[in-house]
Amino acid sequence: MFYFTIGERTLIEQKLVIWVILLLAFAFSGCVEVIPPDDSNMIYVDFSGGADYTSIQDAVNASPDNYTIFVYGGIYLENIVINKTVVLMGEDVATTIIDGNGTGDAIYISEAGKANISGFTIKNSGNKGSPSNDAGIDIRSDYNNITGNNISNNKYGIYSTYSKYNNLSQNTILSNSEYGMYLYSGSDYNVIFDNTFSIDSCGLRIKGSKYNEVSRNLFADNQKGMYFCCGARYNTVFYNAFSNNSLWNADDQVGDNQWDNGSMGNYWDNYNGTDADGDGIGDTPYVVSSKGQDNFPLIDKEGIT
């Protein structure tokens, strides 16, 4: 059998591996069109050479809409701006690292951009001690998918404003100095699903945003788990686990949010109620704050994470 090589990798190996990763990474995605990979719609990035580009930003700049940019493992000291529709996929979350180098956003998705981003460690945004909103990923548009990343050691892990219908799922969000995730004004109808928030100052803050769904996340070992403030209404929080958050698990400063889905609530490690009928649901509500309560608190967190 004959084949051609790119650096030390073969085209045959590339296509098999990348196609399998695409199927797994975007099984639940529908926001960005994913076309089967071939040489006409794939761009490769390898910081050490042997691919189309050594810089992710150069690849984004050159990419037409709806292309997939596949990034091989390495440390990319970049502040990436996405202003078009792209799929940005890392070879391996543990070894494909976007490092903001302590300045600005590591990744900025502009109002004109739309992205599926998966398979990266994203870290070291700037201005951890300043009022700037620098983040691992800063989202300013609708219909993005941020899935399967490690987002750590930023000021904000994920920050969004006026951005709707985003899928923020299956990420590990840890050791961010202010917020693991901050949905700011007008960030409505987003799905926050199956993430781990840990060792953040605050795991999740939602401010001035509505109709978001927060489910199947783990909030553990943060100072603050999550909270609503300043006009955040009509959001739903259910089937999450809150454990070992040192200041508090959750707070609702607004009201008009649901801390259960009508039949299932959340697991709270400081819930002291009983379950007389053994159905796995507490017999009395869990009081989140003076303006919110979970009417169906879960006795066990098994199955959530």
C-alpha atoms as a PDB file:
ATOM      1  CA  MET A   1       0.000   0.000   0.000  1.00  0.00           C
ATOM      2  CA  PHE A   2       1.265   3.439  -0.892  1.00  0.00           C
ATOM      3  CA  TYR A   3       0.620   6.608   1.064  1.00  0.00           C
ATOM      4  CA  PHE A   4       2.058  10.056   1.513  1.00  0.00           C
ATOM      5  CA  THR A   5       3.479  11.506   4.739  1.00  0.00           C
ATOM      6  CA  ILE A   6       3.101  14.913   6.342  1.00  0.00           C
ATOM      7  CA  GLY A   7       6.010  15.271   8.718  1.00  0.00           C
ATOM      8  CA  GLU A   8       5.915  12.031  10.720  1.00  0.00           C
ATOM      9  CA  ARG A   9       2.157  11.508  10.304  1.00  0.00           C
ATOM     10  CA  THR A  10       0.355   9.873   7.425  1.00  0.00           C
ATOM     11  CA  LEU A  11      -2.678  11.252   5.655  1.00  0.00           C
ATOM     12  CA  ILE A  12      -4.400   7.937   6.189  1.00  0.00           C
ATOM     13  CA  GLU A  13      -3.828   8.089   9.948  1.00  0.00           C
ATOM     14  CA  GLN A  14      -4.948  11.711  10.067  1.00  0.00           C
ATOM     15  CA  LYS A  15      -8.235  11.105   8.329  1.00  0.00           C
ATOM     16  CA  LEU A  16      -9.160   8.066  10.412  1.00  0.00           C
ATOM     17  CA  VAL A  17      -8.323   9.704  13.741  1.00  0.00           C
ATOM     18  CA  ILE A  18      -9.885  13.059  12.909  1.00  0.00           C
ATOM     19  CA  TRP A  19     -13.109  11.531  11.575  1.00  0.00           C
ATOM     20  CA  VAL A  20     -13.546   9.458  14.757  1.00  0.00           C
ATOM     21  CA  ILE A  21     -12.912  12.531  16.926  1.00  0.00           C
ATOM     22  CA  LEU A  22     -15.411  14.563  14.923  1.00  0.00           C
ATOM     23  CA  LEU A  23     -18.107  11.937  15.382  1.00  0.00           C
ATOM     24  CA  LEU A  24     -17.530  11.840  19.134  1.00  0.00           C
ATOM     25  CA  ALA A  25     -17.030  15.559  19.732  1.00  0.00           C
ATOM     26  CA  PHE A  26     -20.040  16.780  17.792  1.00  0.00           C
ATOM     27  CA  ALA A  27     -22.591  14.036  18.372  1.00  0.00           C
ATOM     28  CA  PHE A  28     -24.776  16.550  20.184  1.00  0.00           C
ATOM     29  CA  SER A  29     -23.909  19.551  18.078  1.00  0.00           C
ATOM     30  CA  GLY A  30     -26.072  21.231  15.486  1.00  0.00           C
ATOM     31  CA  CYS A  31     -25.069  24.852  15.608  1.00  0.00           C
ATOM     32  CA  VAL A  32     -22.196  24.784  13.113  1.00  0.00           C
ATOM     33  CA  GLU A  33     -22.303  22.674   9.986  1.00  0.00           C
ATOM     34  CA  VAL A  34     -19.715  19.902  10.215  1.00  0.00           C
ATOM     35  CA  ILE A  35     -18.723  18.517   6.814  1.00  0.00           C
ATOM     36  CA  PRO A  36     -16.913  15.136   6.577  1.00  0.00           C
ATOM     37  CA  PRO A  37     -13.183  15.865   6.641  1.00  0.00           C
ATOM     38  CA  ASP A  38     -11.241  15.888   3.419  1.00  0.00           C
ATOM     39  CA  ASP A  39      -8.445  17.948   2.008  1.00  0.00           C
ATOM     40  CA  SER A  40     -10.866  20.557   0.667  1.00  0.00           C
ATOM     41  CA  ASN A  41     -12.347  21.595   4.006  1.00  0.00           C
ATOM     42  CA  MET A  42      -9.675  20.801   6.609  1.00  0.00           C
ATOM     43  CA  ILE A  43      -6.852  23.024   7.769  1.00  0.00           C
ATOM     44  CA  TYR A  44      -4.083  21.613   9.954  1.00  0.00           C
ATOM     45  CA  VAL A  45      -2.034  23.476  12.559  1.00  0.00           C
ATOM     46  CA  ASP A  46       1.181  22.178  14.102  1.00  0.00           C
ATOM     47  CA  PHE A  47       3.379  24.567  16.077  1.00  0.00           C
ATOM     48  CA  SER A  48       6.452  22.531  15.209  1.00  0.00           C
ATOM     49  CA  GLY A  49       5.839  22.609  11.459  1.00  0.00           C
ATOM     50  CA  GLY A  50       4.812  19.902   9.009  1.00  0.00           C
ATOM     51  CA  ALA A  51       1.249  21.196   8.630  1.00  0.00           C
ATOM     52  CA  ASP A  52      -0.556  24.030   6.858  1.00  0.00           C
ATOM     53  CA  TYR A  53       0.130  26.573   9.629  1.00  0.00           C
ATOM     54  CA  THR A  54       2.105  26.888  12.842  1.00  0.00           C
ATOM     55  CA  SER A  55      -0.324  29.481  14.297  1.00  0.00           C
ATOM     56  CA  ILE A  56      -4.001  28.933  15.111  1.00  0.00           C
ATOM     57  CA  GLN A  57      -4.796  32.565  14.374  1.00  0.00           C
ATOM     58  CA  ASP A  58      -3.184  32.329  10.958  1.00  0.00           C
ATOM     59  CA  ALA A  59      -5.341  29.292  10.236  1.00  0.00           C
ATOM     60  CA  VAL A  60      -8.499  31.108  11.370  1.00  0.00           C
ATOM     61  CA  ASN A  61      -7.621  34.100   9.209  1.00  0.00           C
ATOM     62  CA  ALA A  62      -7.137  31.888   6.166  1.00  0.00           C
ATOM     63  CA  SER A  63     -10.132  29.644   6.757  1.00  0.00           C
ATOM     64  CA  PRO A  64     -13.338  30.011   4.738  1.00  0.00           C
ATOM     65  CA  ASP A  65     -16.606  29.639   6.644  1.00  0.00           C
ATOM     66  CA  ASN A  66     -17.533  26.155   7.871  1.00  0.00           C
ATOM     67  CA  TYR A  67     -14.025  24.741   7.656  1.00  0.00           C
ATOM     68  CA  THR A  68     -12.542  22.560  10.392  1.00  0.00           C
ATOM     69  CA  ILE A  69      -9.219  23.629  11.870  1.00  0.00           C
ATOM     70  CA  PHE A  70      -7.468  20.655  13.434  1.00  0.00           C
ATOM     71  CA  VAL A  71      -4.724  21.583  15.901  1.00  0.00           C
ATOM     72  CA  TYR A  72      -2.002  19.114  16.827  1.00  0.00           C
ATOM     73  CA  GLY A  73      -0.676  18.942  20.373  1.00  0.00           C
ATOM     74  CA  GLY A  74       1.593  21.714  21.589  1.00  0.00           C
ATOM     75  CA  ILE A  75       1.572  25.005  23.493  1.00  0.00           C
ATOM     76  CA  TYR A  76       0.178  27.880  21.445  1.00  0.00           C
ATOM     77  CA  LEU A  77       0.919  31.281  23.009  1.00  0.00           C
ATOM     78  CA  GLU A  78      -1.891  33.136  21.282  1.00  0.00           C
ATOM     79  CA  ASN A  79      -4.863  35.435  21.758  1.00  0.00           C
ATOM     80  CA  ILE A  80      -7.223  34.105  19.128  1.00  0.00           C
ATOM     81  CA  VAL A  81     -10.021  36.157  17.525  1.00  0.00           C
ATOM     82  CA  ILE A  82     -12.767  34.225  15.740  1.00  0.00           C
ATOM     83  CA  ASN A  83     -14.883  36.345  13.388  1.00  0.00           C
ATOM     84  CA  LYS A  84     -16.327  33.652  11.115  1.00  0.00           C
ATOM     85  CA  THR A  85     -17.965  30.222  11.362  1.00  0.00           C
ATOM     86  CA  VAL A  86     -15.371  27.543  12.138  1.00  0.00           C
ATOM     87  CA  VAL A  87     -14.849  24.250  13.917  1.00  0.00           C
ATOM     88  CA  LEU A  88     -11.735  24.462  16.099  1.00  0.00           C
ATOM     89  CA  MET A  89     -10.632  21.047  17.314  1.00  0.00           C
ATOM     90  CA  GLY A  90      -7.644  20.050  19.415  1.00  0.00           C
ATOM     91  CA  GLU A  91      -5.846  16.739  19.010  1.00  0.00           C
ATOM     92  CA  ASP A  92      -5.899  15.994  22.764  1.00  0.00           C
ATOM     93  CA  VAL A  93      -7.268  18.114  25.590  1.00  0.00           C
ATOM     94  CA  ALA A  94      -4.258  17.363  27.814  1.00  0.00           C
ATOM     95  CA  THR A  95      -1.603  18.294  25.281  1.00  0.00           C
ATOM     96  CA  THR A  96      -3.210  20.880  22.981  1.00  0.00           C
ATOM     97  CA  ILE A  97      -2.873  24.097  24.951  1.00  0.00           C
ATOM     98  CA  ILE A  98      -3.951  27.633  24.111  1.00  0.00           C
ATOM     99  CA  ASP A  99      -2.111  29.950  26.514  1.00  0.00           C
ATOM    100  CA  GLY A 100      -3.191  33.590  26.618  1.00  0.00           C
ATOM    101  CA  ASN A 101       0.202  34.500  28.047  1.00  0.00           C
ATOM    102  CA  GLY A 102      -1.381  36.699  30.738  1.00  0.00           C
ATOM    103  CA  THR A 103      -2.919  39.225  28.338  1.00  0.00           C
ATOM    104  CA  GLY A 104      -6.476  39.678  27.049  1.00  0.00           C
ATOM    105  CA  ASP A 105      -8.787  36.794  26.155  1.00  0.00           C
ATOM    106  CA  ALA A 106      -7.244  33.496  25.155  1.00  0.00           C
ATOM    107  CA  ILE A 107     -10.121  33.096  22.646  1.00  0.00           C
ATOM    108  CA  TYR A 108     -12.500  35.884  21.622  1.00  0.00           C
ATOM    109  CA  ILE A 109     -15.576  34.993  19.545  1.00  0.00           C
ATOM    110  CA  SER A 110     -16.807  38.249  18.028  1.00  0.00           C
ATOM    111  CA  GLU A 111     -20.362  39.197  17.059  1.00  0.00           C
ATOM    112  CA  ALA A 112     -19.562  37.991  13.536  1.00  0.00           C
ATOM    113  CA  GLY A 113     -18.115  34.691  14.713  1.00  0.00           C
ATOM    114  CA  LYS A 114     -19.591  31.287  15.456  1.00  0.00           C
ATOM    115  CA  ALA A 115     -17.542  28.324  16.635  1.00  0.00           C
ATOM    116  CA  ASN A 116     -17.457  24.744  17.781  1.00  0.00           C
ATOM    117  CA  ILE A 117     -14.455  24.519  20.123  1.00  0.00           C
ATOM    118  CA  SER A 118     -13.372  21.202  21.636  1.00  0.00           C
ATOM    119  CA  GLY A 119     -10.305  19.319  22.772  1.00  0.00           C
ATOM    120  CA  PHE A 120      -8.197  22.139  24.239  1.00  0.00           C
ATOM    121  CA  THR A 121      -6.706  23.281  27.500  1.00  0.00           C
ATOM    122  CA  ILE A 122      -7.388  27.032  27.533  1.00  0.00           C
ATOM    123  CA  LYS A 123      -5.583  29.041  30.175  1.00  0.00           C
ATOM    124  CA  ASN A 124      -3.838  32.210  31.333  1.00  0.00           C
ATOM    125  CA  SER A 125      -6.094  35.037  30.216  1.00  0.00           C
ATOM    126  CA  GLY A 126      -4.987  38.489  31.342  1.00  0.00           C
ATOM    127  CA  ASN A 127      -5.822  41.109  33.962  1.00  0.00           C
ATOM    128  CA  LYS A 128      -6.667  38.891  36.897  1.00  0.00           C
ATOM    129  CA  GLY A 129      -6.373  41.860  39.228  1.00  0.00           C
ATOM    130  CA  SER A 130      -8.110  44.487  37.054  1.00  0.00           C
ATOM    131  CA  PRO A 131     -11.717  45.350  36.128  1.00  0.00           C
ATOM    132  CA  SER A 132     -11.309  43.927  32.606  1.00  0.00           C
ATOM    133  CA  ASN A 133     -13.417  40.918  31.646  1.00  0.00           C
ATOM    134  CA  ASP A 134     -10.566  38.854  30.259  1.00  0.00           C
ATOM    135  CA  ALA A 135     -11.471  35.197  29.891  1.00  0.00           C
ATOM    136  CA  GLY A 136     -10.338  31.858  28.618  1.00  0.00           C
ATOM    137  CA  ILE A 137     -13.218  32.112  26.118  1.00  0.00           C
ATOM    138  CA  ASP A 138     -15.105  35.392  25.600  1.00  0.00           C
ATOM    139  CA  ILE A 139     -18.349  34.865  23.654  1.00  0.00           C
ATOM    140  CA  ARG A 140     -20.211  37.699  21.912  1.00  0.00           C
ATOM    141  CA  SER A 141     -22.403  35.739  19.464  1.00  0.00           C
ATOM    142  CA  ASP A 142     -25.125  33.070  19.301  1.00  0.00           C
ATOM    143  CA  TYR A 143     -25.147  29.336  18.563  1.00  0.00           C
ATOM    144  CA  ASN A 144     -21.649  28.395  19.682  1.00  0.00           C
ATOM    145  CA  ASN A 145     -20.646  24.989  21.050  1.00  0.00           C
ATOM    146  CA  ILE A 146     -17.945  24.917  23.723  1.00  0.00           C
ATOM    147  CA  THR A 147     -17.516  21.260  24.632  1.00  0.00           C
ATOM    148  CA  GLY A 148     -14.892  18.971  26.090  1.00  0.00           C
ATOM    149  CA  ASN A 149     -12.272  21.523  27.107  1.00  0.00           C
ATOM    150  CA  ASN A 150     -10.172  22.161  30.197  1.00  0.00           C
ATOM    151  CA  ILE A 151     -10.571  25.873  30.990  1.00  0.00           C
ATOM    152  CA  SER A 152      -8.327  26.841  33.865  1.00  0.00           C
ATOM    153  CA  ASN A 153      -6.213  29.550  35.489  1.00  0.00           C
ATOM    154  CA  ASN A 154      -7.987  32.473  33.860  1.00  0.00           C
ATOM    155  CA  LYS A 155      -9.743  35.474  35.370  1.00  0.00           C
ATOM    156  CA  TYR A 156     -13.051  34.192  33.965  1.00  0.00           C
ATOM    157  CA  GLY A 157     -13.138  30.734  32.476  1.00  0.00           C
ATOM    158  CA  ILE A 158     -16.005  31.518  30.081  1.00  0.00           C
ATOM    159  CA  TYR A 159     -17.529  34.992  29.782  1.00  0.00           C
ATOM    160  CA  SER A 160     -20.504  35.849  27.599  1.00  0.00           C
ATOM    161  CA  THR A 161     -22.564  38.931  26.936  1.00  0.00           C
ATOM    162  CA  TYR A 162     -25.535  39.349  24.585  1.00  0.00           C
ATOM    163  CA  SER A 163     -24.983  35.801  23.380  1.00  0.00           C
ATOM    164  CA  LYS A 164     -27.807  33.289  23.111  1.00  0.00           C
ATOM    165  CA  TYR A 165     -28.467  29.620  22.342  1.00  0.00           C
ATOM    166  CA  ASN A 166     -24.969  28.477  23.189  1.00  0.00           C
ATOM    167  CA  ASN A 167     -24.116  24.938  24.265  1.00  0.00           C
ATOM    168  CA  LEU A 168     -21.567  25.002  27.092  1.00  0.00           C
ATOM    169  CA  SER A 169     -21.074  21.376  28.042  1.00  0.00           C
ATOM    170  CA  GLN A 170     -18.664  18.683  29.225  1.00  0.00           C
ATOM    171  CA  ASN A 171     -15.937  21.148  30.158  1.00  0.00           C
ATOM    172  CA  THR A 172     -13.658  21.037  33.189  1.00  0.00           C
ATOM    173  CA  ILE A 173     -13.624  24.580  34.557  1.00  0.00           C
ATOM    174  CA  LEU A 174     -11.247  25.032  37.446  1.00  0.00           C
ATOM    175  CA  SER A 175      -8.895  27.374  39.284  1.00  0.00           C
ATOM    176  CA  ASN A 176     -10.247  30.552  37.680  1.00  0.00           C
ATOM    177  CA  SER A 177      -9.610  33.554  39.905  1.00  0.00           C
ATOM    178  CA  GLU A 178     -13.088  35.154  39.753  1.00  0.00           C
ATOM    179  CA  TYR A 179     -15.695  33.107  37.885  1.00  0.00           C
ATOM    180  CA  GLY A 180     -15.595  29.732  36.239  1.00  0.00           C
ATOM    181  CA  MET A 181     -18.399  30.949  33.987  1.00  0.00           C
ATOM    182  CA  TYR A 182     -20.115  34.350  33.891  1.00  0.00           C
ATOM    183  CA  LEU A 183     -23.224  34.875  31.783  1.00  0.00           C
ATOM    184  CA  TYR A 184     -23.628  38.629  31.637  1.00  0.00           C
ATOM    185  CA  SER A 185     -26.457  40.804  30.358  1.00  0.00           C
ATOM    186  CA  GLY A 186     -28.575  39.376  27.540  1.00  0.00           C
ATOM    187  CA  SER A 187     -27.026  35.897  27.611  1.00  0.00           C
ATOM    188  CA  ASP A 188     -30.318  34.012  27.227  1.00  0.00           C
ATOM    189  CA  TYR A 189     -31.425  30.477  26.271  1.00  0.00           C
ATOM    190  CA  ASN A 190     -28.027  28.900  26.881  1.00  0.00           C
ATOM    191  CA  VAL A 191     -27.541  25.285  27.975  1.00  0.00           C
ATOM    192  CA  ILE A 192     -24.928  24.645  30.684  1.00  0.00           C
ATOM    193  CA  PHE A 193     -24.682  20.881  30.914  1.00  0.00           C
ATOM    194  CA  ASP A 194     -22.344  18.259  32.384  1.00  0.00           C
ATOM    195  CA  ASN A 195     -19.509  20.593  33.368  1.00  0.00           C
ATOM    196  CA  THR A 196     -17.274  20.393  36.414  1.00  0.00           C
ATOM    197  CA  PHE A 197     -16.754  23.674  38.277  1.00  0.00           C
ATOM    198  CA  SER A 198     -14.005  23.315  40.861  1.00  0.00           C
ATOM    199  CA  ILE A 199     -11.542  25.468  42.795  1.00  0.00           C
ATOM    200  CA  ASP A 200     -12.997  28.656  41.310  1.00  0.00           C
ATOM    201  CA  SER A 201     -13.711  31.739  43.373  1.00  0.00           C
ATOM    202  CA  CYS A 202     -17.288  31.320  42.085  1.00  0.00           C
ATOM    203  CA  GLY A 203     -18.305  28.496  39.791  1.00  0.00           C
ATOM    204  CA  LEU A 204     -21.143  30.185  37.879  1.00  0.00           C
ATOM    205  CA  ARG A 205     -22.698  33.643  37.968  1.00  0.00           C
ATOM    206  CA  ILE A 206     -25.716  34.602  35.870  1.00  0.00           C
ATOM    207  CA  LYS A 207     -26.568  38.303  35.727  1.00  0.00           C
ATOM    208  CA  GLY A 208     -29.288  40.030  33.719  1.00  0.00           C
ATOM    209  CA  SER A 209     -29.931  36.906  31.638  1.00  0.00           C
ATOM    210  CA  LYS A 210     -32.986  34.678  31.211  1.00  0.00           C
ATOM    211  CA  TYR A 211     -34.185  31.219  30.201  1.00  0.00           C
ATOM    212  CA  ASN A 212     -30.872  29.463  30.738  1.00  0.00           C
ATOM    213  CA  GLU A 213     -30.832  25.789  31.736  1.00  0.00           C
ATOM    214  CA  VAL A 214     -28.235  24.531  34.201  1.00  0.00           C
ATOM    215  CA  SER A 215     -28.219  20.757  34.602  1.00  0.00           C
ATOM    216  CA  ARG A 216     -26.004  17.811  35.478  1.00  0.00           C
ATOM    217  CA  ASN A 217     -23.061  19.939  36.564  1.00  0.00           C
ATOM    218  CA  LEU A 218     -20.776  19.385  39.528  1.00  0.00           C
ATOM    219  CA  PHE A 219     -20.017  22.407  41.714  1.00  0.00           C
ATOM    220  CA  ALA A 220     -17.352  21.254  44.149  1.00  0.00           C
ATOM    221  CA  ASP A 221     -14.578  22.828  46.215  1.00  0.00           C
ATOM    222  CA  ASN A 222     -15.268  26.399  45.096  1.00  0.00           C
ATOM    223  CA  GLN A 223     -15.703  29.329  47.448  1.00  0.00           C
ATOM    224  CA  LYS A 224     -19.175  29.945  45.977  1.00  0.00           C
ATOM    225  CA  GLY A 225     -21.065  27.423  43.891  1.00  0.00           C
ATOM    226  CA  MET A 226     -23.378  29.552  41.720  1.00  0.00           C
ATOM    227  CA  TYR A 227     -25.785  32.458  41.965  1.00  0.00           C
ATOM    228  CA  PHE A 228     -28.285  34.681  40.213  1.00  0.00           C
ATOM    229  CA  CYS A 229     -28.286  38.448  40.501  1.00  0.00           C
ATOM    230  CA  CYS A 230     -29.396  41.690  38.922  1.00  0.00           C
ATOM    231  CA  GLY A 231     -32.338  40.721  36.738  1.00  0.00           C
ATOM    232  CA  ALA A 232     -31.472  37.064  36.127  1.00  0.00           C
ATOM    233  CA  ARG A 233     -34.950  35.509  35.848  1.00  0.00           C
ATOM    234  CA  TYR A 234     -36.744  32.459  34.464  1.00  0.00           C
ATOM    235  CA  ASN A 235     -33.651  30.273  34.587  1.00  0.00           C
ATOM    236  CA  THR A 236     -33.900  26.586  35.539  1.00  0.00           C
ATOM    237  CA  VAL A 237     -31.423  24.657  37.690  1.00  0.00           C
ATOM    238  CA  PHE A 238     -31.869  20.916  38.213  1.00  0.00           C
ATOM    239  CA  TYR A 239     -29.959  17.647  38.576  1.00  0.00           C
ATOM    240  CA  ASN A 240     -26.734  19.326  39.681  1.00  0.00           C
ATOM    241  CA  ALA A 241     -24.504  18.390  42.608  1.00  0.00           C
ATOM    242  CA  PHE A 242     -23.309  21.039  45.067  1.00  0.00           C
ATOM    243  CA  SER A 243     -20.594  19.818  47.392  1.00  0.00           C
ATOM    244  CA  ASN A 244     -17.929  21.301  49.657  1.00  0.00           C
ATOM    245  CA  ASN A 245     -18.239  24.907  48.499  1.00  0.00           C
ATOM    246  CA  SER A 246     -16.711  26.847  51.366  1.00  0.00           C
ATOM    247  CA  LEU A 247     -18.885  30.002  51.540  1.00  0.00           C
ATOM    248  CA  TRP A 248     -22.153  28.758  50.085  1.00  0.00           C
ATOM    249  CA  ASN A 249     -23.526  26.337  47.553  1.00  0.00           C
ATOM    250  CA  ALA A 250     -25.911  28.724  45.787  1.00  0.00           C
ATOM    251  CA  ASP A 251     -27.717  32.033  46.121  1.00  0.00           C
ATOM    252  CA  ASP A 252     -30.696  33.591  44.364  1.00  0.00           C
ATOM    253  CA  GLN A 253     -30.781  37.350  44.841  1.00  0.00           C
ATOM    254  CA  VAL A 254     -33.604  37.867  42.353  1.00  0.00           C
ATOM    255  CA  GLY A 255     -36.346  35.219  42.541  1.00  0.00           C
ATOM    256  CA  ASP A 256     -38.438  33.977  39.593  1.00  0.00           C
ATOM    257  CA  ASN A 257     -35.882  31.224  38.946  1.00  0.00           C
ATOM    258  CA  GLN A 258     -36.581  27.511  39.260  1.00  0.00           C
ATOM    259  CA  TRP A 259     -34.253  25.342  41.341  1.00  0.00           C
ATOM    260  CA  ASP A 260     -35.935  22.141  40.134  1.00  0.00           C
ATOM    261  CA  ASN A 261     -37.760  21.017  36.989  1.00  0.00           C
ATOM    262  CA  GLY A 262     -41.045  20.218  38.716  1.00  0.00           C
ATOM    263  CA  SER A 263     -40.103  16.689  39.709  1.00  0.00           C
ATOM    264  CA  MET A 264     -36.350  16.659  40.267  1.00  0.00           C
ATOM    265  CA  GLY A 265     -34.083  19.130  42.002  1.00  0.00           C
ATOM    266  CA  ASN A 266     -30.411  19.114  42.939  1.00  0.00           C
ATOM    267  CA  TYR A 267     -28.092  17.398  45.391  1.00  0.00           C
ATOM    268  CA  TRP A 268     -27.007  19.645  48.277  1.00  0.00           C
ATOM    269  CA  ASP A 269     -24.374  18.378  50.673  1.00  0.00           C
ATOM    270  CA  ASN A 270     -25.848  20.457  53.529  1.00  0.00           C
ATOM    271  CA  TYR A 271     -29.459  19.336  53.079  1.00  0.00           C
ATOM    272  CA  ASN A 272     -30.652  17.980  56.424  1.00  0.00           C
ATOM    273  CA  GLY A 273     -34.121  16.765  55.462  1.00  0.00           C
ATOM    274  CA  THR A 274     -35.385  13.195  55.357  1.00  0.00           C
ATOM    275  CA  ASP A 275     -36.685  10.829  52.695  1.00  0.00           C
ATOM    276  CA  ALA A 276     -39.368   8.808  54.473  1.00  0.00           C
ATOM    277  CA  ASP A 277     -40.717   7.046  51.376  1.00  0.00           C
ATOM    278  CA  GLY A 278     -37.263   6.265  49.951  1.00  0.00           C
ATOM    279  CA  ASP A 279     -37.942   7.760  46.546  1.00  0.00           C
ATOM    280  CA  GLY A 280     -34.649   9.661  46.487  1.00  0.00           C
ATOM    281  CA  ILE A 281     -36.371  13.052  46.880  1.00  0.00           C
ATOM    282  CA  GLY A 282     -36.248  14.979  50.134  1.00  0.00           C
ATOM    283  CA  ASP A 283     -39.535  15.368  51.996  1.00  0.00           C
ATOM    284  CA  THR A 284     -39.016  19.092  52.603  1.00  0.00           C
ATOM    285  CA  PRO A 285     -37.644  21.803  50.289  1.00  0.00           C
ATOM    286  CA  TYR A 286     -34.064  22.989  50.383  1.00  0.00           C
ATOM    287  CA  VAL A 287     -33.943  26.740  50.936  1.00  0.00           C
ATOM    288  CA  VAL A 288     -31.423  28.205  48.509  1.00  0.00           C
ATOM    289  CA  SER A 289     -31.950  31.748  49.759  1.00  0.00           C
ATOM    290  CA  SER A 290     -34.796  34.028  50.810  1.00  0.00           C
ATOM    291  CA  LYS A 291     -35.846  34.225  47.132  1.00  0.00           C
ATOM    292  CA  GLY A 292     -35.390  30.671  45.965  1.00  0.00           C
ATOM    293  CA  GLN A 293     -35.866  27.065  46.998  1.00  0.00           C
ATOM    294  CA  ASP A 294     -35.458  23.573  45.601  1.00  0.00           C
ATOM    295  CA  ASN A 295     -38.768  21.760  46.046  1.00  0.00           C
ATOM    296  CA  PHE A 296     -37.404  18.335  45.117  1.00  0.00           C
ATOM    297  CA  PRO A 297     -33.888  18.083  46.614  1.00  0.00           C
ATOM    298  CA  LEU A 298     -32.013  14.905  45.758  1.00  0.00           C
ATOM    299  CA  ILE A 299     -30.804  12.670  48.576  1.00  0.00           C
ATOM    300  CA  ASP A 300     -27.962  11.154  46.555  1.00  0.00           C
ATOM    301  CA  LYS A 301     -25.680  12.591  43.869  1.00  0.00           C
ATOM    302  CA  GLU A 302     -25.108   9.203  42.240  1.00  0.00           C
ATOM    303  CA  GLY A 303     -25.642   9.400  38.509  1.00  0.00           C
ATOM    304  CA  ILE A 304     -25.213  13.157  38.267  1.00  0.00           C
ATOM    305  CA  THR A 305     -21.459  13.115  37.752  1.00  0.00           C
END
